[in-house]
Amino acid sequence: MLRRSQGAVITHTGTGKGMPDLDDAQEVILAGASAGGGGVTFNLDALTASLRVVNPAVTVLGLIDSTFGPEGYDPDYSISTQCVSIGICSPEESGNYGLGVQRDFWKAIPEGSCESYHATDGALWKCAFDTHVVLNHLTTPFFVRQGLTDSVVSDGLVETGVLINGRDYALSDFTDQVRNHLIKDFPQLLSQAEEHASLTLAPGAFAPLCSKHETSRSTFDSHFVTIQKASGTFDMFTVWKNWRAGSPNSILVHGAKGSVSTCQ
């Protein structure tokens, strides 16, 4: 548990160790994996705004791991498990249900600028979906790490009877849709995101053809999973550094321009 003590020090209860106050930080990175990645998505801009009240010069960055799936609203939910069991038969109904769960069960505050943007257009339900927020409403610079065959993220579509183009949704559909978001959509967010006027930096990404979930807490998965292309071999943190420096190879995705990945 962290608590603020007298002065500008945060004390870690039970150890007596003083820690620097975030208000004095030059750079803050909010990172999370799986549900924690969702926490980054829905809280990153609010954290940035809070810190900049005291320290307008602080740099805030987000690292979102293992929670980025397709935004796609095309799948047919009519025979899905959730439609048959609880009557949620469309992405819109799923989003509205999700917003209710966030507010009533988790007592969470949905991403504020997304709710403001969609307050009057009938699409507020989209704000329940991490990927819609990532692609349209995050204005703090962020980086996504996503395995293209992560079954924990993909199973919500693959294992629930969702259809696409009249057939069962497959893991390959998840892989292709996530890859397209990262390769095609990410470089265009500065001009095409719903809040593009507030963006200052296109996101970075590292997406190997790997199934491991929650990778950022693992040394092997962070440092020894690589994507190889003609210009070299890159791990996630090399791509992160490229992104921070504004260098090439700040979005690396398995299958793009002949790149291949090695998993642990």
C-alpha atoms as a PDB file:
ATOM      1  CA  MET A   1       0.000   0.000   0.000  1.00  0.00           C
ATOM      2  CA  LEU A   2       1.284   3.479  -0.835  1.00  0.00           C
ATOM      3  CA  ARG A   3       0.424   6.570   1.131  1.00  0.00           C
ATOM      4  CA  ARG A   4       1.539  10.187   0.921  1.00  0.00           C
ATOM      5  CA  SER A   5       3.541  11.287   3.972  1.00  0.00           C
ATOM      6  CA  GLN A   6       4.503  14.783   5.096  1.00  0.00           C
ATOM      7  CA  GLY A   7       6.393  16.701   2.456  1.00  0.00           C
ATOM      8  CA  ALA A   8       6.864  15.357  -1.058  1.00  0.00           C
ATOM      9  CA  VAL A   9       7.610  11.721  -0.213  1.00  0.00           C
ATOM     10  CA  ILE A  10       5.536   8.581  -0.656  1.00  0.00           C
ATOM     11  CA  THR A  11       6.204   5.973   2.019  1.00  0.00           C
ATOM     12  CA  HIS A  12       5.773   2.259   1.355  1.00  0.00           C
ATOM     13  CA  THR A  13       3.798   1.107   4.388  1.00  0.00           C
ATOM     14  CA  GLY A  14       5.554  -1.622   6.341  1.00  0.00           C
ATOM     15  CA  THR A  15       9.067  -1.016   5.036  1.00  0.00           C
ATOM     16  CA  GLY A  16       9.752   2.614   5.909  1.00  0.00           C
ATOM     17  CA  LYS A  17      11.456   3.163   2.551  1.00  0.00           C
ATOM     18  CA  GLY A  18      11.022   6.612   1.102  1.00  0.00           C
ATOM     19  CA  MET A  19      10.107   6.824  -2.579  1.00  0.00           C
ATOM     20  CA  PRO A  20      10.136   9.831  -4.923  1.00  0.00           C
ATOM     21  CA  ASP A  21       6.896  11.683  -5.465  1.00  0.00           C
ATOM     22  CA  LEU A  22       5.473  11.271  -8.980  1.00  0.00           C
ATOM     23  CA  ASP A  23       4.795  15.001  -8.972  1.00  0.00           C
ATOM     24  CA  ASP A  24       8.560  15.495  -9.266  1.00  0.00           C
ATOM     25  CA  ALA A  25       9.091  12.982 -12.065  1.00  0.00           C
ATOM     26  CA  GLN A  26      10.532  13.904 -15.450  1.00  0.00           C
ATOM     27  CA  GLU A  27       9.090  10.800 -17.118  1.00  0.00           C
ATOM     28  CA  VAL A  28       6.350   8.385 -16.032  1.00  0.00           C
ATOM     29  CA  ILE A  29       5.534   5.098 -17.778  1.00  0.00           C
ATOM     30  CA  LEU A  30       2.194   3.471 -16.994  1.00  0.00           C
ATOM     31  CA  ALA A  31       2.429  -0.194 -17.991  1.00  0.00           C
ATOM     32  CA  GLY A  32       0.058  -3.125 -17.671  1.00  0.00           C
ATOM     33  CA  ALA A  33      -0.650  -6.546 -19.132  1.00  0.00           C
ATOM     34  CA  SER A  34      -3.939  -8.321 -19.815  1.00  0.00           C
ATOM     35  CA  ALA A  35      -6.574  -6.642 -17.612  1.00  0.00           C
ATOM     36  CA  GLY A  36      -3.770  -4.311 -16.511  1.00  0.00           C
ATOM     37  CA  GLY A  37      -3.346  -3.309 -20.147  1.00  0.00           C
ATOM     38  CA  GLY A  38      -7.005  -2.347 -20.113  1.00  0.00           C
ATOM     39  CA  GLY A  39      -6.264  -0.328 -17.005  1.00  0.00           C
ATOM     40  CA  VAL A  40      -3.586   1.556 -18.933  1.00  0.00           C
ATOM     41  CA  THR A  41      -5.978   2.157 -21.825  1.00  0.00           C
ATOM     42  CA  PHE A  42      -8.783   3.578 -19.699  1.00  0.00           C
ATOM     43  CA  ASN A  43      -6.622   5.568 -17.247  1.00  0.00           C
ATOM     44  CA  LEU A  44      -3.596   6.816 -19.186  1.00  0.00           C
ATOM     45  CA  ASP A  45      -4.971  10.178 -20.291  1.00  0.00           C
ATOM     46  CA  ALA A  46      -6.479  10.829 -16.860  1.00  0.00           C
ATOM     47  CA  LEU A  47      -3.106  10.145 -15.215  1.00  0.00           C
ATOM     48  CA  THR A  48      -1.397  12.498 -17.657  1.00  0.00           C
ATOM     49  CA  ALA A  49      -3.869  15.273 -16.919  1.00  0.00           C
ATOM     50  CA  SER A  50      -3.521  14.748 -13.167  1.00  0.00           C
ATOM     51  CA  LEU A  51       0.292  14.849 -13.200  1.00  0.00           C
ATOM     52  CA  ARG A  52       0.439  17.891 -15.464  1.00  0.00           C
ATOM     53  CA  VAL A  53      -1.649  19.966 -13.068  1.00  0.00           C
ATOM     54  CA  VAL A  54       1.422  20.049 -10.810  1.00  0.00           C
ATOM     55  CA  ASN A  55       4.187  19.431 -13.360  1.00  0.00           C
ATOM     56  CA  PRO A  56       3.254  20.580 -16.883  1.00  0.00           C
ATOM     57  CA  ALA A  57       6.604  19.406 -18.294  1.00  0.00           C
ATOM     58  CA  VAL A  58       6.301  15.752 -17.249  1.00  0.00           C
ATOM     59  CA  THR A  59       6.481  13.143 -20.027  1.00  0.00           C
ATOM     60  CA  VAL A  60       3.915  10.359 -19.654  1.00  0.00           C
ATOM     61  CA  LEU A  61       3.938   7.193 -21.771  1.00  0.00           C
ATOM     62  CA  GLY A  62       1.789   4.061 -21.872  1.00  0.00           C
ATOM     63  CA  LEU A  63       2.809   0.426 -22.452  1.00  0.00           C
ATOM     64  CA  ILE A  64      -0.232  -1.750 -23.255  1.00  0.00           C
ATOM     65  CA  ASP A  65       0.508  -5.479 -23.246  1.00  0.00           C
ATOM     66  CA  SER A  66      -1.707  -8.420 -24.213  1.00  0.00           C
ATOM     67  CA  THR A  67      -5.104  -6.784 -24.424  1.00  0.00           C
ATOM     68  CA  PHE A  68      -5.326  -5.438 -27.994  1.00  0.00           C
ATOM     69  CA  GLY A  69      -7.794  -7.255 -30.235  1.00  0.00           C
ATOM     70  CA  PRO A  70      -9.814  -6.400 -33.357  1.00  0.00           C
ATOM     71  CA  GLU A  71     -12.103  -3.396 -33.197  1.00  0.00           C
ATOM     72  CA  GLY A  72     -14.227  -5.076 -35.855  1.00  0.00           C
ATOM     73  CA  TYR A  73     -17.920  -4.685 -35.714  1.00  0.00           C
ATOM     74  CA  ASP A  74     -18.521  -7.118 -38.624  1.00  0.00           C
ATOM     75  CA  PRO A  75     -18.750 -10.458 -36.773  1.00  0.00           C
ATOM     76  CA  ASP A  76     -22.218 -11.999 -36.512  1.00  0.00           C
ATOM     77  CA  TYR A  77     -23.111 -12.656 -32.864  1.00  0.00           C
ATOM     78  CA  SER A  78     -26.567 -14.126 -33.562  1.00  0.00           C
ATOM     79  CA  ILE A  79     -25.664 -17.727 -32.619  1.00  0.00           C
ATOM     80  CA  SER A  80     -22.871 -16.890 -30.177  1.00  0.00           C
ATOM     81  CA  THR A  81     -22.787 -18.179 -26.610  1.00  0.00           C
ATOM     82  CA  GLN A  82     -23.581 -14.751 -25.184  1.00  0.00           C
ATOM     83  CA  CYS A  83     -26.549 -14.316 -27.520  1.00  0.00           C
ATOM     84  CA  VAL A  84     -28.042 -17.708 -26.689  1.00  0.00           C
ATOM     85  CA  SER A  85     -27.384 -17.535 -22.941  1.00  0.00           C
ATOM     86  CA  ILE A  86     -27.985 -13.892 -21.987  1.00  0.00           C
ATOM     87  CA  GLY A  87     -29.432 -12.263 -25.104  1.00  0.00           C
ATOM     88  CA  ILE A  88     -26.448 -10.103 -26.047  1.00  0.00           C
ATOM     89  CA  CYS A  89     -26.536 -10.556 -29.803  1.00  0.00           C
ATOM     90  CA  SER A  90     -24.628  -7.607 -31.309  1.00  0.00           C
ATOM     91  CA  PRO A  91     -21.489  -5.554 -30.662  1.00  0.00           C
ATOM     92  CA  GLU A  92     -23.710  -2.635 -29.598  1.00  0.00           C
ATOM     93  CA  GLU A  93     -25.532  -4.741 -27.009  1.00  0.00           C
ATOM     94  CA  SER A  94     -22.199  -6.137 -25.816  1.00  0.00           C
ATOM     95  CA  GLY A  95     -20.769  -2.641 -25.458  1.00  0.00           C
ATOM     96  CA  ASN A  96     -23.764  -1.359 -23.523  1.00  0.00           C
ATOM     97  CA  TYR A  97     -23.582  -4.396 -21.241  1.00  0.00           C
ATOM     98  CA  GLY A  98     -19.857  -3.801 -20.760  1.00  0.00           C
ATOM     99  CA  LEU A  99     -20.389  -0.165 -19.792  1.00  0.00           C
ATOM    100  CA  GLY A 100     -22.929  -1.302 -17.211  1.00  0.00           C
ATOM    101  CA  VAL A 101     -20.503  -3.837 -15.748  1.00  0.00           C
ATOM    102  CA  GLN A 102     -17.747  -1.210 -15.601  1.00  0.00           C
ATOM    103  CA  ARG A 103     -19.921   1.252 -13.718  1.00  0.00           C
ATOM    104  CA  ASP A 104     -22.068  -0.984 -11.510  1.00  0.00           C
ATOM    105  CA  PHE A 105     -19.810  -3.976 -10.733  1.00  0.00           C
ATOM    106  CA  TRP A 106     -16.250  -2.678 -11.077  1.00  0.00           C
ATOM    107  CA  LYS A 107     -17.190   0.887 -10.052  1.00  0.00           C
ATOM    108  CA  ALA A 108     -14.881   1.992 -12.850  1.00  0.00           C
ATOM    109  CA  ILE A 109     -14.835   5.329 -14.649  1.00  0.00           C
ATOM    110  CA  PRO A 110     -14.881   4.799 -18.443  1.00  0.00           C
ATOM    111  CA  GLU A 111     -12.407   6.758 -20.579  1.00  0.00           C
ATOM    112  CA  GLY A 112     -13.643  10.324 -20.319  1.00  0.00           C
ATOM    113  CA  SER A 113     -12.855  11.808 -23.717  1.00  0.00           C
ATOM    114  CA  CYS A 114     -14.432   8.825 -25.519  1.00  0.00           C
ATOM    115  CA  GLU A 115     -17.648   9.321 -23.562  1.00  0.00           C
ATOM    116  CA  SER A 116     -17.619  13.046 -24.314  1.00  0.00           C
ATOM    117  CA  TYR A 117     -17.001  12.431 -28.018  1.00  0.00           C
ATOM    118  CA  HIS A 118     -19.851   9.924 -28.334  1.00  0.00           C
ATOM    119  CA  ALA A 119     -22.255  11.540 -25.884  1.00  0.00           C
ATOM    120  CA  THR A 120     -24.753  12.525 -28.578  1.00  0.00           C
ATOM    121  CA  ASP A 121     -24.077  10.289 -31.587  1.00  0.00           C
ATOM    122  CA  GLY A 122     -25.597   7.047 -30.276  1.00  0.00           C
ATOM    123  CA  ALA A 123     -22.215   5.282 -30.232  1.00  0.00           C
ATOM    124  CA  LEU A 124     -21.368   5.577 -26.546  1.00  0.00           C
ATOM    125  CA  TRP A 125     -21.303   1.769 -26.403  1.00  0.00           C
ATOM    126  CA  LYS A 126     -18.021   1.773 -28.340  1.00  0.00           C
ATOM    127  CA  CYS A 127     -16.276   3.249 -25.291  1.00  0.00           C
ATOM    128  CA  ALA A 128     -16.508  -0.158 -23.560  1.00  0.00           C
ATOM    129  CA  PHE A 129     -14.032  -1.619 -26.051  1.00  0.00           C
ATOM    130  CA  ASP A 130     -10.303  -1.206 -25.396  1.00  0.00           C
ATOM    131  CA  THR A 131      -9.391  -1.213 -29.069  1.00  0.00           C
ATOM    132  CA  HIS A 132     -11.821   1.546 -30.018  1.00  0.00           C
ATOM    133  CA  VAL A 133     -10.342   3.719 -27.262  1.00  0.00           C
ATOM    134  CA  VAL A 134      -6.780   2.893 -28.351  1.00  0.00           C
ATOM    135  CA  LEU A 135      -7.483   3.659 -32.017  1.00  0.00           C
ATOM    136  CA  ASN A 136      -9.456   6.837 -31.426  1.00  0.00           C
ATOM    137  CA  HIS A 137      -9.250   8.392 -27.976  1.00  0.00           C
ATOM    138  CA  LEU A 138      -5.834   7.916 -26.358  1.00  0.00           C
ATOM    139  CA  THR A 139      -3.868  11.147 -26.754  1.00  0.00           C
ATOM    140  CA  THR A 140      -0.956  10.306 -24.415  1.00  0.00           C
ATOM    141  CA  PRO A 141       1.805   8.540 -26.420  1.00  0.00           C
ATOM    142  CA  PHE A 142       1.492   4.766 -26.119  1.00  0.00           C
ATOM    143  CA  PHE A 143       3.089   1.519 -27.283  1.00  0.00           C
ATOM    144  CA  VAL A 144       1.272  -1.805 -27.825  1.00  0.00           C
ATOM    145  CA  ARG A 145       2.785  -5.253 -27.379  1.00  0.00           C
ATOM    146  CA  GLN A 146       0.456  -7.998 -28.645  1.00  0.00           C
ATOM    147  CA  GLY A 147       1.028 -11.633 -29.550  1.00  0.00           C
ATOM    148  CA  LEU A 148      -0.788 -12.355 -32.795  1.00  0.00           C
ATOM    149  CA  THR A 149      -1.913 -15.808 -31.607  1.00  0.00           C
ATOM    150  CA  ASP A 150      -2.694 -14.875 -27.989  1.00  0.00           C
ATOM    151  CA  SER A 151      -5.581 -17.247 -27.232  1.00  0.00           C
ATOM    152  CA  VAL A 152      -6.571 -15.454 -24.023  1.00  0.00           C
ATOM    153  CA  VAL A 153      -7.416 -12.332 -26.036  1.00  0.00           C
ATOM    154  CA  SER A 154      -8.758 -14.117 -29.127  1.00  0.00           C
ATOM    155  CA  ASP A 155     -10.963 -16.706 -27.396  1.00  0.00           C
ATOM    156  CA  GLY A 156     -13.743 -14.149 -26.856  1.00  0.00           C
ATOM    157  CA  LEU A 157     -14.322 -14.411 -30.611  1.00  0.00           C
ATOM    158  CA  VAL A 158     -12.879 -17.816 -31.547  1.00  0.00           C
ATOM    159  CA  GLU A 159     -14.494 -19.951 -28.833  1.00  0.00           C
ATOM    160  CA  THR A 160     -17.928 -18.332 -28.515  1.00  0.00           C
ATOM    161  CA  GLY A 161     -19.692 -19.177 -31.778  1.00  0.00           C
ATOM    162  CA  VAL A 162     -19.148 -15.822 -33.458  1.00  0.00           C
ATOM    163  CA  LEU A 163     -19.397 -15.918 -37.259  1.00  0.00           C
ATOM    164  CA  ILE A 164     -17.542 -13.915 -39.880  1.00  0.00           C
ATOM    165  CA  ASN A 165     -18.427 -14.019 -43.569  1.00  0.00           C
ATOM    166  CA  GLY A 166     -20.894 -16.817 -42.794  1.00  0.00           C
ATOM    167  CA  ARG A 167     -18.335 -19.111 -41.137  1.00  0.00           C
ATOM    168  CA  ASP A 168     -16.867 -19.662 -37.688  1.00  0.00           C
ATOM    169  CA  TYR A 169     -14.477 -16.956 -36.586  1.00  0.00           C
ATOM    170  CA  ALA A 170     -10.944 -18.447 -36.535  1.00  0.00           C
ATOM    171  CA  LEU A 171      -7.660 -17.586 -34.855  1.00  0.00           C
ATOM    172  CA  SER A 172      -6.298 -16.617 -38.286  1.00  0.00           C
ATOM    173  CA  ASP A 173      -9.018 -13.944 -38.509  1.00  0.00           C
ATOM    174  CA  PHE A 174      -7.875 -12.515 -35.180  1.00  0.00           C
ATOM    175  CA  THR A 175      -4.257 -12.526 -36.375  1.00  0.00           C
ATOM    176  CA  ASP A 176      -5.097 -10.796 -39.657  1.00  0.00           C
ATOM    177  CA  GLN A 177      -7.333  -8.156 -38.066  1.00  0.00           C
ATOM    178  CA  VAL A 178      -4.853  -7.237 -35.330  1.00  0.00           C
ATOM    179  CA  ARG A 179      -2.016  -7.137 -37.864  1.00  0.00           C
ATOM    180  CA  ASN A 180      -4.032  -4.771 -40.074  1.00  0.00           C
ATOM    181  CA  HIS A 181      -4.755  -2.451 -37.148  1.00  0.00           C
ATOM    182  CA  LEU A 182      -1.067  -2.220 -36.309  1.00  0.00           C
ATOM    183  CA  ILE A 183       0.317  -1.964 -39.845  1.00  0.00           C
ATOM    184  CA  LYS A 184      -2.384   0.137 -41.500  1.00  0.00           C
ATOM    185  CA  ASP A 185      -4.219   2.036 -38.762  1.00  0.00           C
ATOM    186  CA  PHE A 186      -1.468   2.935 -36.295  1.00  0.00           C
ATOM    187  CA  PRO A 187       0.597   5.051 -38.745  1.00  0.00           C
ATOM    188  CA  GLN A 188      -2.589   6.937 -39.730  1.00  0.00           C
ATOM    189  CA  LEU A 189      -3.900   7.822 -36.266  1.00  0.00           C
ATOM    190  CA  LEU A 190      -2.420  11.323 -36.388  1.00  0.00           C
ATOM    191  CA  SER A 191      -4.871  12.112 -39.184  1.00  0.00           C
ATOM    192  CA  GLN A 192      -7.677   9.563 -38.802  1.00  0.00           C
ATOM    193  CA  ALA A 193      -8.342   8.969 -35.081  1.00  0.00           C
ATOM    194  CA  GLU A 194     -11.517  10.550 -33.785  1.00  0.00           C
ATOM    195  CA  GLU A 195      -9.359  12.720 -31.531  1.00  0.00           C
ATOM    196  CA  HIS A 196      -6.471  13.067 -33.996  1.00  0.00           C
ATOM    197  CA  ALA A 197      -6.143  16.823 -33.411  1.00  0.00           C
ATOM    198  CA  SER A 198      -4.929  16.114 -29.850  1.00  0.00           C
ATOM    199  CA  LEU A 199      -2.343  13.499 -30.838  1.00  0.00           C
ATOM    200  CA  THR A 200       1.339  14.416 -30.929  1.00  0.00           C
ATOM    201  CA  LEU A 201       2.966  11.043 -31.655  1.00  0.00           C
ATOM    202  CA  ALA A 202       1.892   7.969 -33.608  1.00  0.00           C
ATOM    203  CA  PRO A 203       1.983   4.817 -31.460  1.00  0.00           C
ATOM    204  CA  GLY A 204       4.646   2.148 -31.558  1.00  0.00           C
ATOM    205  CA  ALA A 205       4.017  -1.600 -31.618  1.00  0.00           C
ATOM    206  CA  PHE A 206       5.685  -4.990 -31.307  1.00  0.00           C
ATOM    207  CA  ALA A 207       3.598  -7.964 -32.473  1.00  0.00           C
ATOM    208  CA  PRO A 208       5.257 -11.364 -32.904  1.00  0.00           C
ATOM    209  CA  LEU A 209       3.391 -14.455 -34.057  1.00  0.00           C
ATOM    210  CA  CYS A 210       3.418 -15.802 -30.504  1.00  0.00           C
ATOM    211  CA  SER A 211       0.731 -17.099 -28.157  1.00  0.00           C
ATOM    212  CA  LYS A 212       2.175 -16.060 -24.780  1.00  0.00           C
ATOM    213  CA  HIS A 213      -0.102 -13.838 -22.726  1.00  0.00           C
ATOM    214  CA  GLU A 214       1.045 -11.193 -20.205  1.00  0.00           C
ATOM    215  CA  THR A 215       4.597 -10.974 -21.477  1.00  0.00           C
ATOM    216  CA  SER A 216       5.929  -7.717 -20.028  1.00  0.00           C
ATOM    217  CA  ARG A 217       6.578  -9.248 -16.597  1.00  0.00           C
ATOM    218  CA  SER A 218       8.778 -11.999 -18.096  1.00  0.00           C
ATOM    219  CA  THR A 219      12.457 -11.382 -18.856  1.00  0.00           C
ATOM    220  CA  PHE A 220      12.498 -14.063 -21.547  1.00  0.00           C
ATOM    221  CA  ASP A 221       9.362 -12.855 -23.278  1.00  0.00           C
ATOM    222  CA  SER A 222      10.473  -9.234 -23.150  1.00  0.00           C
ATOM    223  CA  HIS A 223      14.115  -9.636 -24.171  1.00  0.00           C
ATOM    224  CA  PHE A 224      14.385 -12.887 -26.135  1.00  0.00           C
ATOM    225  CA  VAL A 225      11.234 -12.891 -28.265  1.00  0.00           C
ATOM    226  CA  THR A 226      12.349 -11.232 -31.496  1.00  0.00           C
ATOM    227  CA  ILE A 227      11.159 -10.171 -34.915  1.00  0.00           C
ATOM    228  CA  GLN A 228      13.666 -10.487 -37.737  1.00  0.00           C
ATOM    229  CA  LYS A 229      13.651  -8.533 -40.967  1.00  0.00           C
ATOM    230  CA  ALA A 230      16.240  -7.643 -43.605  1.00  0.00           C
ATOM    231  CA  SER A 231      17.645  -4.762 -41.550  1.00  0.00           C
ATOM    232  CA  GLY A 232      18.186  -6.773 -38.355  1.00  0.00           C
ATOM    233  CA  THR A 233      16.735  -8.594 -35.364  1.00  0.00           C
ATOM    234  CA  PHE A 234      14.648  -6.668 -32.851  1.00  0.00           C
ATOM    235  CA  ASP A 235      13.256  -7.373 -29.409  1.00  0.00           C
ATOM    236  CA  MET A 236      10.435  -5.372 -27.835  1.00  0.00           C
ATOM    237  CA  PHE A 237      12.644  -2.903 -26.000  1.00  0.00           C
ATOM    238  CA  THR A 238      14.707  -2.155 -29.097  1.00  0.00           C
ATOM    239  CA  VAL A 239      11.477  -1.296 -30.911  1.00  0.00           C
ATOM    240  CA  TRP A 240      10.390   0.788 -27.888  1.00  0.00           C
ATOM    241  CA  LYS A 241      13.669   2.742 -28.060  1.00  0.00           C
ATOM    242  CA  ASN A 242      13.205   3.287 -31.801  1.00  0.00           C
ATOM    243  CA  TRP A 243       9.721   4.599 -31.144  1.00  0.00           C
ATOM    244  CA  ARG A 244      10.909   6.948 -28.408  1.00  0.00           C
ATOM    245  CA  ALA A 245      13.681   8.252 -30.666  1.00  0.00           C
ATOM    246  CA  GLY A 246      11.414   8.701 -33.685  1.00  0.00           C
ATOM    247  CA  SER A 247      13.550   6.196 -35.599  1.00  0.00           C
ATOM    248  CA  PRO A 248      12.475   3.635 -38.219  1.00  0.00           C
ATOM    249  CA  ASN A 249      11.313   0.209 -37.043  1.00  0.00           C
ATOM    250  CA  SER A 250       9.035   1.612 -34.338  1.00  0.00           C
ATOM    251  CA  ILE A 251       6.161  -0.651 -35.476  1.00  0.00           C
ATOM    252  CA  LEU A 252       7.284  -4.240 -35.990  1.00  0.00           C
ATOM    253  CA  VAL A 253       4.692  -6.891 -36.849  1.00  0.00           C
ATOM    254  CA  HIS A 254       5.253 -10.497 -37.883  1.00  0.00           C
ATOM    255  CA  GLY A 255       4.446 -10.976 -41.555  1.00  0.00           C
ATOM    256  CA  ALA A 256       4.910  -7.356 -42.562  1.00  0.00           C
ATOM    257  CA  LYS A 257       7.382  -7.045 -45.456  1.00  0.00           C
ATOM    258  CA  GLY A 258       8.726 -10.534 -44.889  1.00  0.00           C
ATOM    259  CA  SER A 259       9.431 -10.180 -41.172  1.00  0.00           C
ATOM    260  CA  VAL A 260       9.366 -13.339 -39.031  1.00  0.00           C
ATOM    261  CA  SER A 261       9.322 -13.851 -35.281  1.00  0.00           C
ATOM    262  CA  THR A 262      10.933 -16.179 -32.775  1.00  0.00           C
ATOM    263  CA  CYS A 263       8.954 -17.094 -29.655  1.00  0.00           C
ATOM    264  CA  GLN A 264      10.061 -18.494 -26.327  1.00  0.00           C
END
